N, C-alpha and C. Protein backbone atom coordinates (compact mmCIF):
# COMPACT_ATOMS: atom_id res chain seq x y z
N UNK A 1 121.37 31.17 31.13
CA UNK A 1 121.55 30.95 32.33
C UNK A 1 121.23 31.96 33.08
N UNK A 2 121.03 30.80 34.25
CA UNK A 2 120.93 31.68 35.94
C UNK A 2 122.14 32.98 36.21
N UNK A 3 121.78 33.72 36.99
CA UNK A 3 122.54 34.67 37.78
C UNK A 3 122.04 35.03 38.98
N UNK A 4 122.59 35.25 40.32
CA UNK A 4 122.23 35.48 41.38
C UNK A 4 122.33 37.26 41.59
N UNK A 5 121.34 38.36 41.59
CA UNK A 5 121.08 39.42 41.92
C UNK A 5 121.10 39.55 43.44
N UNK A 6 121.47 40.64 42.78
CA UNK A 6 121.10 41.50 44.65
C UNK A 6 120.04 42.92 43.65
N UNK A 7 120.45 42.84 43.03
CA UNK A 7 119.42 44.56 41.62
C UNK A 7 120.06 44.90 40.65
N UNK A 8 119.72 45.53 39.79
CA UNK A 8 120.08 45.96 38.58
C UNK A 8 119.88 47.94 38.92
N UNK A 9 120.36 48.72 38.33
CA UNK A 9 120.75 49.90 38.17
C UNK A 9 120.26 50.31 36.40
N UNK A 10 119.29 50.95 35.63
CA UNK A 10 119.59 50.95 34.45
C UNK A 10 119.94 52.30 33.97
N UNK A 11 120.20 53.31 34.53
CA UNK A 11 120.89 54.30 34.14
C UNK A 11 122.13 54.96 35.06
N UNK A 12 123.33 53.89 35.79
CA UNK A 12 123.55 54.46 36.38
C UNK A 12 125.00 55.29 35.67
N UNK A 13 125.58 57.28 36.69
CA UNK A 13 126.62 57.30 36.11
C UNK A 13 127.48 57.66 37.46
N UNK A 14 127.87 56.79 38.01
CA UNK A 14 128.65 56.63 38.96
C UNK A 14 129.55 55.29 38.80
N UNK A 15 129.14 54.03 38.27
CA UNK A 15 129.36 53.19 38.01
C UNK A 15 130.48 52.58 36.99
N UNK A 16 131.38 53.95 36.36
CA UNK A 16 132.05 54.03 35.40
C UNK A 16 131.82 55.17 34.10
N UNK A 17 132.11 55.17 33.22
CA UNK A 17 131.68 56.74 32.95
C UNK A 17 130.32 56.49 31.63
N UNK A 18 129.77 57.48 32.05
CA UNK A 18 128.97 57.26 30.61
C UNK A 18 127.47 57.01 31.87
N UNK A 19 126.69 56.43 30.87
CA UNK A 19 125.24 56.12 31.28
C UNK A 19 125.72 54.37 30.95
N UNK A 20 125.09 53.51 32.65
CA UNK A 20 125.63 52.34 32.40
C UNK A 20 124.69 51.76 32.96
N UNK A 21 124.50 50.00 32.51
CA UNK A 21 123.88 49.49 32.99
C UNK A 21 124.38 48.85 33.95
N UNK A 22 124.10 49.15 35.11
CA UNK A 22 124.30 48.67 36.80
C UNK A 22 124.04 46.78 37.18
N UNK A 23 125.03 46.10 36.99
CA UNK A 23 124.53 44.65 37.23
C UNK A 23 125.07 44.62 38.80
N UNK A 24 123.89 44.18 39.85
CA UNK A 24 124.88 43.92 41.62
C UNK A 24 124.83 42.51 41.94
N UNK A 25 125.52 41.33 41.61
CA UNK A 25 125.70 40.29 41.87
C UNK A 25 125.00 40.07 43.58
N UNK A 26 124.71 38.96 43.76
CA UNK A 26 124.44 38.78 44.73
C UNK A 26 125.62 37.43 45.40
N UNK A 27 125.95 37.82 46.76
CA UNK A 27 127.55 36.45 47.42
C UNK A 27 128.19 37.46 46.83
N UNK A 28 129.41 37.20 48.15
CA UNK A 28 130.93 38.39 48.10
C UNK A 28 131.40 37.25 49.43
N UNK A 29 132.43 36.74 49.00
CA UNK A 29 133.05 36.37 49.90
C UNK A 29 134.01 36.96 50.60
N UNK A 30 133.95 38.78 50.46
CA UNK A 30 135.28 39.93 51.13
C UNK A 30 134.81 40.41 52.20
N UNK A 31 133.18 40.45 51.88
CA UNK A 31 132.97 41.22 53.24
C UNK A 31 133.38 42.70 54.04
N UNK A 32 134.10 43.10 52.88
CA UNK A 32 134.51 44.00 53.31
C UNK A 32 134.02 45.10 54.25
N UNK A 33 134.76 45.58 55.75
CA UNK A 33 134.09 46.11 56.51
C UNK A 33 133.42 47.62 56.05
N UNK A 34 132.57 48.18 56.14
CA UNK A 34 132.08 49.73 55.90
C UNK A 34 131.51 49.37 54.47
N UNK A 35 131.31 48.03 53.79
CA UNK A 35 131.51 48.12 52.70
C UNK A 35 129.74 48.78 52.15
N UNK A 36 129.43 49.69 51.03
CA UNK A 36 128.30 50.58 50.72
C UNK A 36 127.32 49.61 50.08
N UNK A 37 127.54 48.45 50.43
CA UNK A 37 126.76 47.19 49.41
C UNK A 37 126.00 46.53 50.59
N UNK A 38 126.28 45.93 51.64
CA UNK A 38 126.07 44.87 52.90
C UNK A 38 124.97 43.82 52.52
N UNK A 39 123.85 44.27 51.15
CA UNK A 39 122.91 43.72 50.86
C UNK A 39 123.68 42.06 50.84
N UNK A 40 124.82 42.45 49.54
CA UNK A 40 125.00 41.85 48.40
C UNK A 40 125.77 40.08 49.31
N UNK A 41 126.12 40.29 50.46
CA UNK A 41 127.25 39.51 51.03
C UNK A 41 126.90 38.34 51.13
N UNK A 42 125.71 37.88 51.37
CA UNK A 42 124.74 36.48 51.60
C UNK A 42 124.57 35.91 50.15
N UNK A 43 125.63 34.78 49.83
CA UNK A 43 124.99 34.06 48.71
C UNK A 43 123.81 33.57 48.42
N UNK A 44 123.47 33.43 49.57
CA UNK A 44 121.88 32.76 49.08
C UNK A 44 120.64 34.47 49.25
N UNK A 45 121.37 35.66 49.06
CA UNK A 45 120.05 36.01 49.42
C UNK A 45 119.98 36.69 47.76
N UNK A 46 119.12 37.59 47.75
CA UNK A 46 118.65 38.46 46.11
C UNK A 46 117.79 37.35 45.68
N UNK A 47 117.93 36.97 44.00
CA UNK A 47 116.90 36.95 43.68
C UNK A 47 117.34 36.22 42.44
N UNK A 48 116.99 35.05 41.97
CA UNK A 48 117.95 34.32 40.20
C UNK A 48 117.16 35.10 39.41
N UNK A 49 118.15 35.38 38.13
CA UNK A 49 117.62 35.90 37.28
C UNK A 49 118.14 35.25 35.79
N UNK A 50 117.26 35.63 34.44
CA UNK A 50 118.10 35.16 33.55
C UNK A 50 119.22 35.93 33.04
N UNK A 51 120.56 35.57 32.81
CA UNK A 51 121.22 36.77 32.00
C UNK A 51 120.65 36.98 30.34
N UNK A 52 119.42 36.28 29.80
CA UNK A 52 119.02 36.70 28.04
C UNK A 52 118.24 37.67 28.95
N UNK A 53 117.93 37.82 29.95
CA UNK A 53 116.50 38.82 30.18
C UNK A 53 117.51 40.10 30.94
N UNK A 54 118.37 39.72 31.37
CA UNK A 54 119.30 40.96 31.89
C UNK A 54 119.93 41.60 30.20
N UNK A 55 120.24 41.10 29.51
CA UNK A 55 121.03 41.13 28.34
C UNK A 55 119.75 42.19 27.43
N UNK A 56 118.72 41.47 27.46
CA UNK A 56 117.11 42.44 26.47
C UNK A 56 117.81 43.71 27.13
N UNK A 57 117.13 43.67 28.53
CA UNK A 57 117.85 44.92 29.30
C UNK A 57 118.59 46.18 28.80
N UNK A 58 119.51 45.45 28.44
CA UNK A 58 121.40 46.13 27.89
C UNK A 58 120.67 46.84 26.41
N UNK A 59 120.16 45.63 25.93
CA UNK A 59 119.86 45.81 24.29
C UNK A 59 118.60 47.07 23.98
N UNK A 60 117.44 47.53 25.14
CA UNK A 60 116.57 48.65 24.91
C UNK A 60 116.49 49.32 25.14
N UNK A 61 118.05 49.88 25.74
CA UNK A 61 118.46 51.39 26.14
C UNK A 61 119.29 51.53 24.84
N UNK A 62 119.06 52.42 24.33
CA UNK A 62 119.96 52.91 23.32
C UNK A 62 121.33 53.37 23.76
N UNK A 63 120.63 54.67 24.77
CA UNK A 63 121.68 55.51 25.57
C UNK A 63 122.96 54.59 26.32
N UNK A 64 122.86 53.55 26.18
CA UNK A 64 123.71 52.79 27.51
C UNK A 64 125.48 53.38 26.65
N UNK A 65 126.23 53.97 27.00
CA UNK A 65 127.70 52.93 26.69
C UNK A 65 128.15 51.99 27.39
N UNK A 66 127.55 51.34 28.72
CA UNK A 66 128.50 49.90 28.67
C UNK A 66 127.88 49.47 30.38
N UNK A 67 128.08 48.51 30.75
CA UNK A 67 127.99 47.41 31.27
C UNK A 67 128.76 47.99 32.34
N UNK A 68 128.32 47.68 33.80
CA UNK A 68 128.61 47.64 34.79
C UNK A 68 128.85 45.99 35.88
N UNK A 69 129.92 45.33 36.18
CA UNK A 69 129.27 44.20 37.04
C UNK A 69 129.91 44.71 38.07
N UNK A 70 128.94 44.30 39.68
CA UNK A 70 129.57 45.06 40.86
C UNK A 70 128.52 44.40 41.59
N UNK A 71 128.73 44.18 43.05
CA UNK A 71 128.47 43.16 43.90
C UNK A 71 128.02 43.66 44.62
N UNK A 72 128.00 42.70 46.01
CA UNK A 72 128.76 41.69 45.71
C UNK A 72 129.87 40.93 45.22
N UNK A 73 130.21 40.25 44.82
CA UNK A 73 131.65 40.10 44.01
C UNK A 73 131.56 39.14 42.31
N UNK A 74 131.48 39.49 41.44
CA UNK A 74 130.97 39.08 39.94
C UNK A 74 132.33 37.99 39.65
N UNK A 75 133.26 37.97 40.19
CA UNK A 75 133.78 36.35 39.93
C UNK A 75 134.10 35.57 40.58
N UNK A 76 132.39 35.67 41.51
CA UNK A 76 132.07 34.74 42.70
C UNK A 76 130.81 33.45 41.53
N UNK A 77 130.72 34.49 40.47
CA UNK A 77 130.15 33.85 39.36
C UNK A 77 129.89 34.20 38.03
N UNK A 78 131.22 34.19 37.77
CA UNK A 78 132.43 34.06 36.54
C UNK A 78 131.66 33.51 35.06
N UNK A 79 131.11 32.62 34.93
CA UNK A 79 130.03 32.10 34.32
C UNK A 79 128.86 32.78 33.34
N UNK A 80 128.27 33.20 33.90
CA UNK A 80 126.92 33.76 33.99
C UNK A 80 127.87 35.36 34.04
N UNK A 81 128.77 36.19 34.77
CA UNK A 81 129.35 37.04 34.69
C UNK A 81 129.74 37.21 32.71
N UNK A 82 130.69 36.02 32.70
CA UNK A 82 131.42 36.25 31.75
C UNK A 82 129.80 36.49 30.38
N UNK A 83 129.41 35.81 30.59
CA UNK A 83 127.81 35.87 29.40
C UNK A 83 127.22 37.18 29.52
N UNK A 84 127.53 38.18 30.31
CA UNK A 84 127.02 39.04 30.25
C UNK A 84 127.96 40.35 29.63
N UNK A 85 129.39 40.14 29.75
CA UNK A 85 130.06 40.46 29.29
C UNK A 85 130.50 40.68 27.80
N UNK A 86 130.13 39.08 27.68
CA UNK A 86 130.66 38.75 25.62
C UNK A 86 129.24 39.63 25.42
N UNK A 87 127.82 39.34 25.64
CA UNK A 87 127.11 40.01 25.17
C UNK A 87 126.46 41.80 25.50
N UNK A 88 127.46 42.24 26.11
CA UNK A 88 127.42 43.76 25.94
C UNK A 88 128.31 44.66 24.88
N UNK A 89 129.76 43.40 25.23
CA UNK A 89 130.65 43.86 24.01
C UNK A 89 129.91 43.45 22.48
N UNK A 90 128.99 42.27 22.04
CA UNK A 90 128.59 42.11 21.16
C UNK A 90 127.41 43.21 20.35
N UNK A 91 127.11 44.38 21.57
CA UNK A 91 126.43 45.04 21.21
C UNK A 91 127.51 46.74 21.08
N UNK A 92 128.78 46.29 21.24
CA UNK A 92 129.64 47.51 20.47
C UNK A 92 130.13 48.53 21.59
N UNK A 93 129.52 47.66 23.20
CA UNK A 93 129.16 48.29 24.52
C UNK A 93 130.48 48.23 25.19
N UNK A 94 131.06 49.04 26.19
CA UNK A 94 132.31 48.77 27.28
C UNK A 94 131.78 48.10 28.68
N UNK A 95 132.87 47.36 29.00
CA UNK A 95 132.81 46.37 30.20
C UNK A 95 133.45 46.69 31.28
N UNK A 96 132.93 47.59 32.58
CA UNK A 96 133.29 47.69 33.83
C UNK A 96 133.24 46.34 34.55
N UNK A 97 133.65 46.03 35.31
CA UNK A 97 133.98 45.08 36.71
C UNK A 97 134.76 45.74 37.93
N UNK A 98 133.75 45.33 39.06
CA UNK A 98 134.11 45.61 40.14
C UNK A 98 134.84 44.27 41.14
N UNK A 99 135.79 44.07 41.42
CA UNK A 99 136.19 43.19 42.45
C UNK A 99 136.74 43.18 43.45
N UNK A 100 136.73 42.25 44.74
CA UNK A 100 137.28 42.68 46.07
C UNK A 100 139.04 41.60 45.78
N UNK A 101 138.82 41.20 44.46
CA UNK A 101 140.28 40.49 44.17
C UNK A 101 141.51 41.28 43.32
N UNK A 102 142.22 41.10 43.26
CA UNK A 102 143.13 42.14 42.57
C UNK A 102 143.53 41.71 41.07
N UNK A 103 143.87 42.51 40.21
CA UNK A 103 143.91 41.70 38.98
C UNK A 103 145.26 41.13 38.92
N UNK A 104 146.20 41.02 39.41
CA UNK A 104 146.57 40.03 39.58
C UNK A 104 146.41 38.79 39.99
N UNK A 105 145.51 39.12 41.09
CA UNK A 105 144.96 37.68 41.49
C UNK A 105 143.92 36.44 41.03
N UNK A 106 143.37 37.51 39.95
CA UNK A 106 142.21 37.26 39.01
C UNK A 106 142.51 36.70 37.72
N UNK A 107 144.05 37.15 37.35
CA UNK A 107 144.97 36.30 36.05
C UNK A 107 145.58 35.20 36.93
N UNK A 108 145.26 34.95 38.06
CA UNK A 108 145.96 33.75 38.90
C UNK A 108 145.33 32.59 38.44
N UNK A 109 144.01 33.21 38.70
CA UNK A 109 142.47 32.11 39.12
C UNK A 109 142.42 31.15 37.48
N UNK A 110 142.81 31.82 36.50
CA UNK A 110 142.31 31.32 35.66
C UNK A 110 141.00 30.64 34.62
N UNK A 111 140.51 29.71 34.31
CA UNK A 111 139.53 29.43 34.08
C UNK A 111 138.42 30.85 33.48
N UNK A 112 136.77 30.43 33.71
CA UNK A 112 136.17 31.41 33.60
C UNK A 112 136.17 32.62 34.16
N UNK A 113 137.20 32.77 35.43
CA UNK A 113 137.24 34.08 36.20
C UNK A 113 138.35 34.91 35.53
N UNK A 114 139.41 34.48 34.29
CA UNK A 114 140.71 35.18 33.74
C UNK A 114 139.94 35.41 32.54
N UNK A 115 138.85 34.75 32.03
CA UNK A 115 138.22 34.77 30.56
C UNK A 115 137.35 35.86 30.94
N UNK A 116 136.08 36.25 32.65
CA UNK A 116 135.97 37.26 32.39
C UNK A 116 136.25 38.75 32.08
N UNK A 117 137.84 38.26 33.34
CA UNK A 117 138.33 39.31 33.44
C UNK A 117 139.20 39.92 32.07
N UNK A 118 139.42 39.23 30.73
CA UNK A 118 139.51 39.37 29.35
C UNK A 118 138.20 40.30 28.84
N UNK A 119 137.57 39.59 28.90
CA UNK A 119 136.19 40.65 28.39
C UNK A 119 136.11 42.00 28.83
N UNK A 120 136.25 42.17 30.31
CA UNK A 120 136.22 43.69 30.86
C UNK A 120 137.47 44.62 30.01
N UNK A 121 136.58 45.23 29.78
CA UNK A 121 138.03 47.24 29.68
C UNK A 121 138.56 47.99 30.66
N UNK A 122 138.01 47.32 31.78
CA UNK A 122 138.40 48.40 33.23
C UNK A 122 137.62 47.27 34.30
N UNK A 123 138.75 46.89 34.97
CA UNK A 123 138.61 46.45 36.38
C UNK A 123 138.40 47.40 37.47
N UNK A 124 137.59 47.39 38.72
CA UNK A 124 138.19 48.36 39.45
C UNK A 124 138.74 47.41 41.12
N UNK A 125 139.62 47.23 40.85
CA UNK A 125 140.27 45.75 41.87
C UNK A 125 140.17 46.20 43.32
N UNK A 126 140.67 45.18 44.15
CA UNK A 126 140.96 45.51 45.31
C UNK A 126 140.13 45.59 46.64
N UNK A 127 140.03 45.22 47.17
CA UNK A 127 138.56 45.37 48.65
C UNK A 127 138.58 46.50 48.91
N UNK A 128 137.60 46.84 49.60
CA UNK A 128 137.06 48.03 50.17
C UNK A 128 137.69 48.58 51.36
N UNK A 129 138.52 49.30 51.51
CA UNK A 129 138.84 49.28 53.21
C UNK A 129 138.72 50.72 53.80
N UNK A 130 138.23 50.41 54.78
CA UNK A 130 137.43 51.82 55.61
C UNK A 130 138.12 52.98 55.61
N UNK A 131 139.41 52.84 56.20
CA UNK A 131 140.59 53.42 56.66
C UNK A 131 141.23 54.10 55.45
N UNK A 132 140.80 53.71 54.36
CA UNK A 132 141.55 54.28 52.83
C UNK A 132 140.47 55.19 52.32
N UNK A 133 139.39 55.19 52.80
CA UNK A 133 137.78 55.66 52.38
C UNK A 133 137.71 57.37 52.07
N UNK A 134 137.36 57.00 50.58
CA UNK A 134 137.85 58.77 49.99
C UNK A 134 136.02 59.21 48.92
N UNK A 135 135.52 59.90 49.15
CA UNK A 135 134.21 60.71 48.83
C UNK A 135 134.53 61.29 47.61
N UNK A 136 135.87 61.65 47.39
CA UNK A 136 136.75 62.48 46.25
C UNK A 136 137.49 61.72 44.99
N UNK A 137 137.56 60.42 45.13
CA UNK A 137 137.77 59.15 44.01
C UNK A 137 136.54 58.75 43.01
N UNK A 138 137.38 58.99 41.70
CA UNK A 138 135.98 58.64 40.82
C UNK A 138 136.22 57.55 40.76
N UNK A 139 134.79 56.77 40.47
CA UNK A 139 134.34 55.02 40.09
C UNK A 139 134.99 54.70 41.44
N UNK A 140 135.48 54.88 42.53
CA UNK A 140 136.36 54.07 43.86
C UNK A 140 136.36 54.12 45.07
N UNK A 141 135.75 53.82 46.03
CA UNK A 141 135.71 54.10 47.41
C UNK A 141 136.46 53.75 48.12
N UNK A 142 137.73 53.49 48.07
CA UNK A 142 138.93 53.55 48.87
C UNK A 142 140.21 54.14 47.61
N UNK A 143 140.48 54.54 48.55
CA UNK A 143 142.42 54.86 47.80
C UNK A 143 143.44 53.72 47.20
N UNK A 144 143.08 52.68 47.70
CA UNK A 144 143.78 50.99 47.71
C UNK A 144 143.27 50.53 46.22
N UNK A 145 142.13 50.73 45.96
CA UNK A 145 141.19 50.57 44.95
C UNK A 145 142.09 51.01 43.39
N UNK A 146 142.22 50.19 42.78
CA UNK A 146 143.11 50.75 41.45
C UNK A 146 142.14 50.74 40.11
N UNK A 147 142.21 51.47 38.90
CA UNK A 147 141.22 51.60 38.15
C UNK A 147 142.16 50.93 36.61
N UNK A 148 142.33 49.69 36.47
CA UNK A 148 142.98 49.04 35.53
C UNK A 148 142.55 48.88 34.49
N UNK A 149 143.14 49.00 33.20
CA UNK A 149 143.01 49.35 32.00
C UNK A 149 143.17 47.60 31.46
N UNK A 150 142.19 46.75 31.17
CA UNK A 150 142.88 45.47 31.49
C UNK A 150 143.18 45.46 30.07
N UNK A 151 142.70 45.56 29.09
CA UNK A 151 143.59 45.74 27.49
C UNK A 151 145.22 45.98 27.95
N UNK A 152 145.47 47.10 27.93
CA UNK A 152 146.37 48.29 28.19
C UNK A 152 147.18 46.36 29.32
N UNK A 153 147.16 46.33 30.04
CA UNK A 153 147.51 45.55 31.40
C UNK A 153 148.17 44.01 30.63
N UNK A 154 147.19 43.86 29.70
CA UNK A 154 147.24 42.39 28.93
C UNK A 154 148.58 42.57 27.70
N UNK A 155 148.91 43.87 27.10
CA UNK A 155 150.09 44.24 26.11
C UNK A 155 151.08 44.31 27.13
N UNK A 156 150.88 44.75 28.04
CA UNK A 156 152.54 45.10 28.92
C UNK A 156 152.87 44.24 29.82
N UNK A 157 151.68 43.20 30.15
CA UNK A 157 152.21 41.90 30.59
C UNK A 157 152.26 42.50 32.15
N UNK A 158 152.03 43.62 33.15
CA UNK A 158 151.50 43.76 34.18
C UNK A 158 150.28 44.84 34.19
N UNK A 159 149.61 44.87 35.19
CA UNK A 159 149.14 46.07 35.26
C UNK A 159 149.14 47.41 35.59
N UNK A 160 147.63 47.80 33.97
CA UNK A 160 148.35 49.45 34.11
C UNK A 160 146.86 50.18 34.56
N UNK A 161 147.12 51.46 35.13
CA UNK A 161 146.15 52.02 35.25
C UNK A 161 145.41 52.72 34.41
N UNK A 162 143.99 52.68 34.12
CA UNK A 162 142.77 53.83 33.03
C UNK A 162 143.06 55.19 33.48
N UNK A 163 143.06 55.50 32.25
CA UNK A 163 143.27 57.25 32.88
C UNK A 163 141.99 57.07 31.34
N UNK A 164 141.22 58.58 31.82
CA UNK A 164 140.21 58.65 31.57
C UNK A 164 140.66 59.92 30.09
N UNK A 165 139.39 59.85 29.54
CA UNK A 165 139.71 60.06 28.09
C UNK A 165 139.70 61.59 28.41
N UNK A 166 140.46 62.52 27.07
CA UNK A 166 140.80 63.89 28.05
C UNK A 166 139.89 64.37 26.48
N UNK A 167 138.74 65.36 26.98
CA UNK A 167 137.87 65.96 25.98
C UNK A 167 138.34 67.19 25.31
């Protein structure tokens, strides 16, 4: 399956816990002012890639802890991102996704977007707000964004915040 990408980072340590393959999708309807990745906004930008090739990159690195879907907006390409998420899960890896949509909005979307949400372990939700920007936050850029534990949220019936493991 094809996916439009802005790029990948094979050994990210800032897009979720541990060592991760970060996949930056191309195209974002939110276009948040102050976005750290404005080159991902244009849906016609970037390049076409095959999800099988991205999954092959994921399989080649035995040190990876997970896959992070970022952007752009991963939920603008939910079918292709779902394929990546399911492939990562089949390898026993965690899946994180960043979205300008809230958890609640993604649940209401249904279809492939809801399926992608369900395939994630953690969702970093909400638009980046320049007025809420902070460099002190783990795994997010502005204070309004939440780290949602998707599994616990589905069980509880409402958004539950992710808590990092105690070491």
